[in-house]
Each structure stands twice: as C-alpha cells, then as structure tokens.
N, C-alpha and C. Protein backbone atom coordinates (compact mmCIF):
# COMPACT_ATOMS: atom_id res chain seq x y z
N MET A 1 -210.47 -132.75 175.63
CA MET A 1 -209.82 -133.95 176.11
C MET A 1 -209.04 -134.55 174.96
N HIS A 2 -207.85 -134.99 175.23
CA HIS A 2 -207.03 -135.55 174.17
C HIS A 2 -207.55 -136.91 173.75
N LEU A 3 -207.14 -137.35 172.56
CA LEU A 3 -207.58 -138.62 172.02
C LEU A 3 -207.18 -139.77 172.93
N LEU A 4 -206.00 -139.70 173.52
CA LEU A 4 -205.56 -140.75 174.44
C LEU A 4 -206.47 -140.81 175.66
N GLY A 5 -206.86 -139.64 176.17
CA GLY A 5 -207.77 -139.60 177.31
C GLY A 5 -209.12 -140.19 176.97
N LEU A 6 -209.58 -139.93 175.75
CA LEU A 6 -210.86 -140.50 175.32
C LEU A 6 -210.79 -142.02 175.20
N ALA A 7 -209.62 -142.55 174.93
CA ALA A 7 -209.48 -144.00 174.83
C ALA A 7 -209.30 -144.64 176.21
N ILE A 8 -208.66 -143.94 177.14
CA ILE A 8 -208.37 -144.52 178.45
C ILE A 8 -209.57 -144.48 179.38
N VAL A 9 -210.38 -143.43 179.32
CA VAL A 9 -211.50 -143.29 180.26
C VAL A 9 -212.48 -144.47 180.16
N PRO A 10 -212.95 -144.87 178.98
CA PRO A 10 -213.85 -146.04 178.95
C PRO A 10 -213.19 -147.31 179.47
N LEU A 11 -211.91 -147.47 179.21
CA LEU A 11 -211.20 -148.64 179.73
C LEU A 11 -211.19 -148.62 181.25
N LEU A 12 -210.91 -147.47 181.85
CA LEU A 12 -210.91 -147.37 183.31
C LEU A 12 -212.31 -147.59 183.89
N VAL A 13 -213.32 -147.10 183.21
CA VAL A 13 -214.69 -147.32 183.67
C VAL A 13 -215.02 -148.81 183.68
N VAL A 14 -214.66 -149.51 182.62
CA VAL A 14 -214.92 -150.95 182.54
C VAL A 14 -214.15 -151.69 183.63
N LEU A 15 -212.89 -151.32 183.85
CA LEU A 15 -212.10 -151.99 184.89
C LEU A 15 -212.68 -151.74 186.28
N LEU A 16 -213.10 -150.50 186.55
CA LEU A 16 -213.71 -150.22 187.85
C LEU A 16 -215.05 -150.95 188.02
N LEU A 17 -215.84 -151.02 186.96
CA LEU A 17 -217.10 -151.77 187.04
C LEU A 17 -216.85 -153.24 187.33
N ALA A 18 -215.82 -153.80 186.69
CA ALA A 18 -215.48 -155.21 186.95
C ALA A 18 -215.06 -155.41 188.40
N GLN A 19 -214.33 -154.46 188.97
CA GLN A 19 -213.92 -154.55 190.37
C GLN A 19 -215.13 -154.44 191.30
N VAL A 20 -216.07 -153.56 190.95
CA VAL A 20 -217.27 -153.40 191.78
C VAL A 20 -218.07 -154.69 191.81
N VAL A 21 -218.23 -155.32 190.67
CA VAL A 21 -219.01 -156.56 190.58
C VAL A 21 -218.32 -157.69 191.33
N ARG A 22 -216.99 -157.79 191.24
CA ARG A 22 -216.26 -158.90 191.85
C ARG A 22 -215.96 -158.71 193.33
N SER A 23 -216.03 -157.49 193.82
CA SER A 23 -215.61 -157.21 195.19
C SER A 23 -216.61 -157.80 196.19
N PRO A 24 -216.15 -158.70 197.09
CA PRO A 24 -217.05 -159.28 198.08
C PRO A 24 -217.24 -158.38 199.29
N ARG A 25 -216.32 -157.43 199.51
CA ARG A 25 -216.40 -156.58 200.69
C ARG A 25 -217.19 -155.31 200.38
N PRO A 26 -218.21 -155.02 201.18
CA PRO A 26 -219.04 -153.83 200.91
C PRO A 26 -218.26 -152.52 201.05
N ARG A 27 -217.31 -152.46 202.00
CA ARG A 27 -216.56 -151.20 202.17
C ARG A 27 -215.70 -150.90 200.95
N ARG A 28 -215.04 -151.92 200.42
CA ARG A 28 -214.23 -151.73 199.23
C ARG A 28 -215.12 -151.39 198.03
N ARG A 29 -216.27 -152.01 197.96
CA ARG A 29 -217.21 -151.74 196.88
C ARG A 29 -217.65 -150.28 196.89
N GLY A 30 -217.85 -149.72 198.06
CA GLY A 30 -218.22 -148.30 198.18
C GLY A 30 -217.14 -147.39 197.62
N TRP A 31 -215.88 -147.68 197.92
CA TRP A 31 -214.79 -146.86 197.38
C TRP A 31 -214.68 -147.01 195.87
N LEU A 32 -214.91 -148.21 195.37
CA LEU A 32 -214.84 -148.40 193.93
C LEU A 32 -215.97 -147.66 193.22
N VAL A 33 -217.16 -147.68 193.80
CA VAL A 33 -218.28 -146.94 193.21
C VAL A 33 -217.99 -145.45 193.25
N LEU A 34 -217.44 -144.96 194.36
CA LEU A 34 -217.07 -143.55 194.46
C LEU A 34 -216.02 -143.18 193.41
N GLY A 35 -215.03 -144.05 193.23
CA GLY A 35 -214.01 -143.81 192.19
C GLY A 35 -214.62 -143.80 190.80
N LEU A 36 -215.56 -144.70 190.56
CA LEU A 36 -216.23 -144.76 189.26
C LEU A 36 -217.04 -143.49 189.01
N ILE A 37 -217.75 -143.03 190.02
CA ILE A 37 -218.53 -141.80 189.88
C ILE A 37 -217.60 -140.62 189.63
N ALA A 38 -216.49 -140.55 190.35
CA ALA A 38 -215.54 -139.45 190.16
C ALA A 38 -214.94 -139.48 188.76
N LEU A 39 -214.62 -140.67 188.26
CA LEU A 39 -214.04 -140.80 186.92
C LEU A 39 -215.03 -140.36 185.85
N VAL A 40 -216.27 -140.78 185.96
CA VAL A 40 -217.29 -140.39 184.98
C VAL A 40 -217.55 -138.89 185.06
N ALA A 41 -217.60 -138.34 186.28
CA ALA A 41 -217.81 -136.89 186.43
C ALA A 41 -216.65 -136.11 185.82
N LEU A 42 -215.43 -136.59 186.04
CA LEU A 42 -214.26 -135.93 185.45
C LEU A 42 -214.29 -135.97 183.93
N ALA A 43 -214.67 -137.11 183.37
CA ALA A 43 -214.76 -137.24 181.91
C ALA A 43 -215.85 -136.32 181.35
N LEU A 44 -216.99 -136.25 182.03
CA LEU A 44 -218.06 -135.36 181.58
C LEU A 44 -217.65 -133.90 181.69
N PHE A 45 -216.96 -133.54 182.76
CA PHE A 45 -216.48 -132.18 182.92
C PHE A 45 -215.47 -131.82 181.82
N ALA A 46 -214.54 -132.72 181.54
CA ALA A 46 -213.53 -132.46 180.50
C ALA A 46 -214.18 -132.34 179.12
N GLY A 47 -215.14 -133.20 178.84
CA GLY A 47 -215.85 -133.11 177.56
C GLY A 47 -216.65 -131.83 177.44
N GLY A 48 -217.33 -131.44 178.51
CA GLY A 48 -218.09 -130.19 178.50
C GLY A 48 -217.19 -128.97 178.37
N ARG A 49 -216.07 -129.01 179.04
CA ARG A 49 -215.12 -127.90 178.93
C ARG A 49 -214.55 -127.79 177.53
N ALA A 50 -214.22 -128.91 176.92
CA ALA A 50 -213.71 -128.89 175.55
C ALA A 50 -214.77 -128.38 174.58
N TRP A 51 -216.01 -128.81 174.77
CA TRP A 51 -217.09 -128.33 173.91
C TRP A 51 -217.28 -126.84 174.07
N TRP A 52 -217.28 -126.35 175.32
CA TRP A 52 -217.50 -124.93 175.58
C TRP A 52 -216.36 -124.09 174.99
N ALA A 53 -215.14 -124.57 175.08
CA ALA A 53 -213.99 -123.79 174.60
C ALA A 53 -213.92 -123.73 173.08
N THR A 54 -214.44 -124.73 172.41
CA THR A 54 -214.30 -124.78 170.95
C THR A 54 -215.61 -124.59 170.21
N ARG A 55 -216.65 -124.15 170.87
CA ARG A 55 -217.95 -124.04 170.21
C ARG A 55 -217.96 -122.98 169.12
N LEU A 56 -217.13 -121.96 169.21
CA LEU A 56 -217.11 -120.91 168.20
C LEU A 56 -215.92 -121.00 167.24
N ASP A 57 -214.96 -121.84 167.56
CA ASP A 57 -213.78 -121.98 166.72
C ASP A 57 -213.90 -123.21 165.83
N GLY A 58 -213.45 -123.08 164.60
CA GLY A 58 -213.41 -124.22 163.71
C GLY A 58 -212.10 -124.97 163.88
N MET A 59 -212.02 -126.12 163.28
CA MET A 59 -210.79 -126.91 163.36
C MET A 59 -209.67 -126.29 162.53
N THR A 60 -210.01 -125.37 161.64
CA THR A 60 -209.00 -124.76 160.77
C THR A 60 -208.81 -123.28 161.08
N LEU A 61 -208.99 -122.90 162.32
CA LEU A 61 -208.91 -121.50 162.71
C LEU A 61 -207.53 -120.91 162.44
N ASP A 62 -206.47 -121.65 162.70
CA ASP A 62 -205.13 -121.09 162.57
C ASP A 62 -204.37 -121.57 161.33
N GLU A 63 -205.04 -122.24 160.42
CA GLU A 63 -204.36 -122.72 159.22
C GLU A 63 -203.76 -121.63 158.35
N PRO A 64 -204.43 -120.48 158.15
CA PRO A 64 -203.78 -119.44 157.34
C PRO A 64 -202.44 -118.99 157.92
N TYR A 65 -202.32 -118.95 159.23
CA TYR A 65 -201.05 -118.57 159.85
C TYR A 65 -199.98 -119.63 159.61
N HIS A 66 -200.37 -120.89 159.66
CA HIS A 66 -199.40 -121.96 159.39
C HIS A 66 -198.94 -121.92 157.94
N ILE A 67 -199.85 -121.64 157.02
CA ILE A 67 -199.48 -121.57 155.60
C ILE A 67 -198.54 -120.40 155.36
N ALA A 68 -198.87 -119.24 155.92
CA ALA A 68 -198.00 -118.07 155.74
C ALA A 68 -196.62 -118.30 156.34
N SER A 69 -196.57 -118.93 157.50
CA SER A 69 -195.26 -119.20 158.10
C SER A 69 -194.49 -120.23 157.29
N GLY A 70 -195.16 -121.22 156.71
CA GLY A 70 -194.47 -122.20 155.87
C GLY A 70 -193.89 -121.56 154.63
N VAL A 71 -194.64 -120.66 154.01
CA VAL A 71 -194.12 -119.95 152.84
C VAL A 71 -192.92 -119.09 153.24
N SER A 72 -193.02 -118.45 154.39
CA SER A 72 -191.91 -117.64 154.88
C SER A 72 -190.68 -118.50 155.17
N TYR A 73 -190.88 -119.67 155.72
CA TYR A 73 -189.75 -120.57 156.01
C TYR A 73 -189.03 -120.96 154.73
N VAL A 74 -189.82 -121.32 153.71
CA VAL A 74 -189.22 -121.81 152.45
C VAL A 74 -188.54 -120.67 151.69
N ARG A 75 -189.21 -119.54 151.61
CA ARG A 75 -188.68 -118.46 150.78
C ARG A 75 -187.57 -117.65 151.44
N THR A 76 -187.64 -117.46 152.74
CA THR A 76 -186.65 -116.60 153.38
C THR A 76 -185.69 -117.36 154.29
N GLY A 77 -186.07 -118.56 154.70
CA GLY A 77 -185.23 -119.31 155.63
C GLY A 77 -185.31 -118.78 157.06
N ASP A 78 -186.24 -117.89 157.32
CA ASP A 78 -186.40 -117.28 158.63
C ASP A 78 -187.50 -118.04 159.39
N PHE A 79 -187.14 -118.65 160.50
CA PHE A 79 -188.08 -119.49 161.26
C PHE A 79 -188.69 -118.76 162.45
N ARG A 80 -188.66 -117.43 162.45
CA ARG A 80 -189.21 -116.68 163.58
C ARG A 80 -190.73 -116.54 163.53
N LEU A 81 -191.32 -116.69 162.39
CA LEU A 81 -192.77 -116.55 162.26
C LEU A 81 -193.44 -117.85 162.71
N ASN A 82 -194.28 -117.76 163.74
CA ASN A 82 -195.02 -118.91 164.28
C ASN A 82 -194.08 -120.04 164.70
N PRO A 83 -193.21 -119.80 165.69
CA PRO A 83 -192.23 -120.82 166.07
C PRO A 83 -192.75 -121.89 167.03
N GLU A 84 -194.02 -121.80 167.47
CA GLU A 84 -194.46 -122.71 168.52
C GLU A 84 -194.84 -124.10 168.04
N HIS A 85 -194.87 -124.34 166.75
CA HIS A 85 -195.19 -125.67 166.24
C HIS A 85 -194.01 -126.19 165.42
N PRO A 86 -193.86 -127.50 165.33
CA PRO A 86 -192.79 -128.05 164.50
C PRO A 86 -192.95 -127.63 163.04
N PRO A 87 -191.86 -127.37 162.34
CA PRO A 87 -191.94 -126.76 161.02
C PRO A 87 -192.13 -127.72 159.85
N LEU A 88 -192.10 -129.03 160.04
CA LEU A 88 -192.06 -129.94 158.90
C LEU A 88 -193.27 -129.79 157.98
N VAL A 89 -194.47 -129.84 158.50
CA VAL A 89 -195.66 -129.74 157.67
C VAL A 89 -195.75 -128.35 157.05
N LYS A 90 -195.38 -127.34 157.81
CA LYS A 90 -195.40 -125.97 157.27
C LYS A 90 -194.40 -125.83 156.13
N LEU A 91 -193.26 -126.49 156.24
CA LEU A 91 -192.28 -126.47 155.14
C LEU A 91 -192.84 -127.16 153.90
N TRP A 92 -193.54 -128.27 154.09
CA TRP A 92 -194.15 -128.97 152.94
C TRP A 92 -195.16 -128.07 152.23
N VAL A 93 -196.01 -127.42 153.02
CA VAL A 93 -197.03 -126.55 152.42
C VAL A 93 -196.37 -125.37 151.73
N GLY A 94 -195.36 -124.79 152.37
CA GLY A 94 -194.67 -123.66 151.76
C GLY A 94 -193.96 -124.03 150.48
N ALA A 95 -193.42 -125.24 150.41
CA ALA A 95 -192.73 -125.69 149.20
C ALA A 95 -193.73 -126.06 148.11
N ALA A 96 -194.93 -126.47 148.47
CA ALA A 96 -195.91 -126.90 147.48
C ALA A 96 -196.61 -125.73 146.79
N LEU A 97 -196.66 -124.57 147.43
CA LEU A 97 -197.34 -123.43 146.83
C LEU A 97 -196.46 -122.78 145.77
N PRO A 98 -197.01 -122.55 144.58
CA PRO A 98 -196.23 -121.85 143.56
C PRO A 98 -196.00 -120.40 143.94
N ARG A 99 -194.91 -119.84 143.46
CA ARG A 99 -194.55 -118.45 143.81
C ARG A 99 -195.63 -117.46 143.38
N SER A 100 -196.33 -117.74 142.30
CA SER A 100 -197.32 -116.78 141.79
C SER A 100 -198.61 -116.79 142.61
N SER A 101 -198.83 -117.80 143.46
CA SER A 101 -200.10 -117.89 144.17
C SER A 101 -200.08 -117.27 145.56
N PHE A 102 -198.91 -116.96 146.06
CA PHE A 102 -198.83 -116.44 147.42
C PHE A 102 -197.75 -115.36 147.48
N HIS A 103 -198.12 -114.18 147.94
CA HIS A 103 -197.17 -113.06 147.98
C HIS A 103 -196.93 -112.67 149.43
N LEU A 104 -195.66 -112.65 149.80
CA LEU A 104 -195.29 -112.19 151.13
C LEU A 104 -195.00 -110.71 151.09
N GLN A 105 -195.47 -110.00 152.08
CA GLN A 105 -195.16 -108.58 152.17
C GLN A 105 -193.71 -108.42 152.61
N PRO A 106 -192.99 -107.43 152.08
CA PRO A 106 -191.62 -107.23 152.55
C PRO A 106 -191.61 -106.85 154.03
N SER A 107 -190.64 -107.37 154.72
CA SER A 107 -190.56 -107.06 156.14
C SER A 107 -189.97 -105.67 156.35
N SER A 108 -190.39 -105.03 157.38
CA SER A 108 -189.85 -103.69 157.69
C SER A 108 -188.99 -103.83 158.95
N ARG A 109 -187.78 -104.27 158.75
CA ARG A 109 -186.87 -104.44 159.88
C ARG A 109 -186.26 -103.10 160.24
N ALA A 110 -186.27 -102.79 161.49
CA ALA A 110 -185.72 -101.51 161.94
C ALA A 110 -184.30 -101.67 162.44
C-alpha cells in the first residue's frame, strides 16, 4: 500500500465512525457500518498483500542495477540501460563514483 493510502485509510475510518455515531437513522447507520467494515477489510487485505509480496525482498534489491545504469549514463551517455525510472538520482550516483572504483564491461553491439 502506498504511503498516501496509509495516511488516507485511518482518516476515512475516523470519518465513517463519526458518521455512525451521529447518524439518527438506523438504516443509514447500517450502511455506514458496512462501509467501515469494507474499508478496514480492504486496508487489511492490502497490508497483507504487501507483506506477502515483499517478505523475501529487501528494500535495496535493485540498487546495484540503478548504480550500474547511473555509471553507464554518465560515462557513455547511453540511457537505454534501466530506462523505467527517472535518471536524476542515477546520474548523481554515477557522477559521484570515481572511475577507478567501478568498471563497465565493453558492450558487444552487433
């Protein structure tokens, strides 16, 4: 679940709880309780799914690829390696590494 979703779900829960408490009509109160239960179930499902998907991966799983692509961007000017993320941070990392600490293999272009 994204950080924005984690911030919005508790706010929605509080707003729905406030509506349940203030609602004088029992029929409307039932729908609000049902909505609250659905929202909490959805949040729990999203949290469980995120936990299950990332239980074996670390937060830095793809960092070596970003570093290698940043070095490639700086040294060759070729942005084809790892194009799915914005290049700014990768360019900073590639520019910060000294030439002697990182060696790129020559490409075998056919």
